[in-house]
Structure formats: structure tokens, C-alpha cells
Protein backbone atom coordinates (compact mmCIF):
# COMPACT_ATOMS: atom_id res chain seq x y z
CA MET A 1 -0.02 0.00 -0.34
CA ARG A 2 1.00 3.73 -0.87
CA THR A 3 2.19 6.56 0.86
CA VAL A 4 -0.23 10.18 -0.16
CA VAL A 5 -0.39 12.99 0.70
CA ASN A 6 -2.93 13.37 3.79
CA ILE A 7 -5.18 16.45 3.87
CA ASP A 8 -6.42 16.57 6.82
CA GLU A 9 -6.42 20.25 8.30
CA SER A 10 -4.61 19.29 11.59
CA ALA A 11 -1.65 16.55 8.88
CA PRO A 12 1.94 18.00 9.84
CA ARG A 13 3.67 19.94 6.63
CA ASP A 14 6.86 17.89 5.71
CA ILE A 15 9.30 20.52 5.72
CA GLU A 16 12.88 19.10 6.31
CA THR A 17 11.46 15.84 3.83
CA PHE A 18 10.55 18.66 1.00
CA ASP A 19 13.72 20.72 1.93
CA GLU A 20 16.66 18.22 1.22
CA TRP A 21 14.13 16.62 -1.59
CA ALA A 22 14.61 20.58 -3.11
CA THR A 23 18.45 20.10 -2.27
CA ALA A 24 18.76 17.13 -3.93
CA CYS A 25 16.99 18.31 -7.11
CA GLY A 26 19.87 21.32 -7.36
CA VAL A 27 17.91 24.25 -5.88
CA GLN A 28 21.30 27.00 -4.76
CA ARG A 29 20.50 29.25 -2.63
CA SER A 30 21.72 32.20 -1.63
CA ASN A 31 24.35 32.46 2.21
CA GLY A 32 21.94 32.75 4.80
CA PHE A 33 18.69 31.37 3.84
CA GLN A 34 16.67 29.87 6.08
CA LEU A 35 13.28 28.01 6.38
CA THR A 36 11.99 29.74 9.76
CA SER A 37 8.31 28.89 11.50
CA GLU A 38 8.12 30.91 14.76
CA ASP A 39 4.40 28.74 15.04
CA GLY A 40 4.81 25.01 13.55
CA LEU A 41 2.79 25.84 11.14
CA ASP A 42 2.97 28.34 9.15
CA ILE A 43 7.05 28.82 6.94
CA SER A 44 8.75 32.37 5.85
CA VAL A 45 11.87 32.71 4.60
CA MET A 46 14.59 34.52 5.96
CA THR A 47 18.49 35.05 5.40
CA THR A 48 20.62 35.46 8.09
CA GLU A 49 22.62 37.66 6.59
CA ASP A 50 22.61 40.70 4.72
CA LEU A 51 21.93 40.23 0.74
CA PRO A 52 22.81 43.31 -1.11
CA ALA A 53 20.49 44.42 -3.27
CA ASN A 54 18.83 42.47 -6.49
CA SER A 55 20.14 39.83 -5.78
CA PRO A 56 19.14 36.73 -6.21
CA VAL A 57 18.10 34.38 -3.46
CA LEU A 58 17.19 30.96 -4.74
CA PHE A 59 17.66 29.34 -8.43
CA VAL A 60 15.95 26.68 -8.85
CA PRO A 61 16.36 24.58 -12.09
CA LYS A 62 13.87 24.30 -15.11
CA GLU A 63 13.01 20.90 -14.70
CA MET A 64 11.15 21.57 -10.46
CA ILE A 65 9.42 24.15 -12.33
CA LEU A 66 5.59 22.21 -12.81
CA SER A 67 4.28 23.94 -16.46
CA SER A 68 1.21 24.18 -18.92
CA ILE A 69 3.53 23.63 -21.21
CA ALA A 70 4.99 20.10 -19.68
CA ALA A 71 2.02 18.68 -19.10
CA VAL A 72 0.46 19.37 -22.61
CA THR A 73 3.88 17.64 -24.14
CA GLU A 74 3.49 14.49 -21.20
CA PHE A 75 0.01 14.05 -21.12
CA GLY A 76 -0.52 15.54 -24.79
CA ARG A 77 -2.84 17.43 -26.10
CA GLN A 78 -6.90 16.87 -24.55
CA GLU A 79 -8.79 17.57 -27.12
CA ALA A 80 -12.27 16.63 -25.35
CA ALA A 81 -11.06 18.11 -22.29
CA GLU A 82 -10.52 21.57 -24.51
CA LYS A 83 -13.75 21.24 -25.97
CA ILE A 84 -15.97 21.38 -23.45
CA ILE A 85 -13.49 24.18 -21.55
CA THR A 86 -13.35 25.94 -25.06
CA SER A 87 -17.31 26.09 -24.80
CA LEU A 88 -18.02 27.41 -21.69
CA ASN A 89 -16.24 30.13 -23.22
CA ALA A 90 -13.18 29.32 -20.92
CA ALA A 91 -10.39 29.30 -23.47
CA SER A 92 -8.24 31.74 -21.63
CA GLU A 93 -7.71 28.28 -18.58
CA LEU A 94 -6.99 25.85 -21.18
CA ARG A 95 -3.08 26.45 -19.41
CA HIS A 96 -4.79 26.49 -15.58
CA PHE A 97 -6.49 23.18 -16.84
CA TYR A 98 -3.64 21.24 -17.76
CA LEU A 99 -1.73 22.99 -14.60
CA MET A 100 -4.22 21.14 -11.60
CA LEU A 101 -3.67 17.80 -13.87
CA LYS A 102 -0.45 17.24 -13.87
CA ILE A 103 -0.42 18.21 -9.89
CA LEU A 104 -4.05 15.22 -9.48
CA VAL A 105 -1.70 12.72 -11.65
CA GLU A 106 1.24 13.98 -8.82
CA TYR A 107 -1.20 13.45 -5.89
CA GLU A 108 -2.46 11.02 -7.24
CA LYS A 109 0.59 8.85 -7.32
CA GLY A 110 1.74 9.19 -3.30
CA GLU A 111 5.47 8.67 -2.59
CA GLU A 112 5.79 7.17 -6.25
CA SER A 113 5.31 10.96 -7.84
CA PRO A 114 9.07 12.86 -7.54
CA TRP A 115 6.75 15.60 -6.32
CA PHE A 116 5.24 14.39 -3.02
CA PRO A 117 7.60 16.13 -1.09
CA TRP A 118 6.56 19.31 -2.69
CA LEU A 119 2.62 18.19 -2.10
CA ASN A 120 3.62 17.08 1.48
CA SER A 121 4.77 19.50 2.53
CA LEU A 122 1.95 22.06 1.30
CA PRO A 123 -0.68 23.86 3.57
CA ARG A 124 -3.99 21.90 4.44
CA TYR A 125 -5.54 24.43 6.14
CA PHE A 126 -5.58 28.18 4.85
CA SER A 127 -7.36 30.71 7.28
CA ASN A 128 -8.54 33.25 4.23
CA GLY A 129 -11.42 34.34 2.59
CA ALA A 130 -10.57 32.14 -0.94
CA SER A 131 -9.96 28.73 1.15
CA MET A 132 -10.72 25.66 0.02
CA THR A 133 -11.53 23.73 3.24
CA PRO A 134 -14.21 20.91 3.71
CA PHE A 135 -16.23 24.06 5.42
CA TRP A 136 -15.51 26.04 1.71
CA CYS A 137 -16.63 22.62 -0.33
CA VAL A 138 -19.55 21.57 1.77
CA HIS A 139 -21.62 24.61 2.26
CA VAL A 140 -20.08 26.57 -0.41
CA LEU A 141 -19.01 25.52 -3.37
CA LYS A 142 -22.79 22.68 -2.68
CA ASP A 143 -24.87 25.57 -3.93
CA ARG A 144 -23.91 25.62 -7.25
CA THR A 145 -23.20 21.66 -7.71
CA GLN A 146 -25.15 21.96 -10.80
CA SER A 147 -23.53 24.80 -12.17
CA HIS A 148 -22.73 24.61 -15.71
CA ARG A 149 -19.02 25.03 -15.90
CA LEU A 150 -18.66 23.32 -12.96
CA ARG A 151 -20.40 19.34 -14.53
CA ALA A 152 -18.64 20.15 -17.64
CA TYR A 153 -14.63 20.93 -15.77
CA LYS A 154 -16.18 17.40 -13.44
CA SER A 155 -16.36 15.91 -17.05
CA CYS A 156 -13.07 17.73 -18.09
CA PHE A 157 -11.38 15.15 -15.15
CA LEU A 158 -13.49 12.04 -15.82
CA GLU A 159 -12.97 12.54 -19.49
CA PHE A 160 -9.02 12.41 -18.21
CA SER A 161 -9.65 9.91 -16.15
CA ALA A 162 -11.15 7.33 -17.71
CA THR A 163 -8.39 7.29 -20.90
CA ASN A 164 -5.50 7.51 -19.29
CA VAL A 165 -5.04 7.95 -15.28
CA CYS A 166 -7.34 7.09 -12.19
CA LEU A 167 -8.22 9.86 -10.48
CA ARG A 168 -10.74 9.13 -7.71
């Protein structure tokens, strides 16, 4: 049985493994760069040394950057999904669809995904208005589940799921 990302709001973020993974993947940091937390929940960045103005703080190799272009290359064009999204006058959202598709595929792979350390380091709880916590999904989204756009997006993901991977 594979390990998956625990999405419970109280699940701890695994920042230590993420930090090791980022280093192993070639992320380079300026001198004094460190991740820190005052409460053990929120993570922030600081430097212990003064940096000259306009100095780079991090170098992230291009292979570590998730992009919609790379997702299209990996999965191929999802014509049925693109047709549905375009029919909603949302063609400008296609790049977001492919990026979200990539994230969902990697999430489903669990610890078998090379992105697992990153996914497992992300926050599970947000205390802002744009939060996607269960409360938001149950009480706000519930009233919109019959909207054409949400049904169409669900169809797009299910179409991809049926032909490429099993998304649960």
C-alpha cells in the first residue's frame, strides 16, 4: 500500500523532507537563506545575512518548475476536455486545466511521485476567504454543484481519468 498525502487540516507539513528534496534536485540558495516558523504551522523564508540589492535568493532548475506546457507535452492534448472548456468561453483557462491535471496526477501517485515531498509540504489549512477547506467545499460549493461550468470541469477530469489514469 502506497503512502499518500494526508489532506486532513491538522496533518503536519513535512518541511524537512521537502528541504532535503529541493537541495537534492539542485535548488541553490544564497548564503544565510533558511526556512523558519514561529508557530510550527506557517513557514516563511529569512536570511541570516544581509544580501546586496537585486541579489538572487534562490535558483530553481527548470526541471522543477511545473508548467502547463510541460503537462501538455506529458499527457498530450486532451481534445475532449479542451472542447468542453472552450464551449464555456473559458479557453483562456486551458493552461490552468493542464496544470491542475498534472498536480492531480502527481497527487494520486502518492510517494511514488517525484513531487511527493513538495505536495506533502503544502499547507492543509488556510484561514483566508479563498480557502478550499471542507467547510468551503460543503457549504459554499454545494449550492453550485449543478452549475454548467463545474459539471463541465468535472467531465473534463473524468474524461482524462477514463482514458489515461485513475483519478479518485
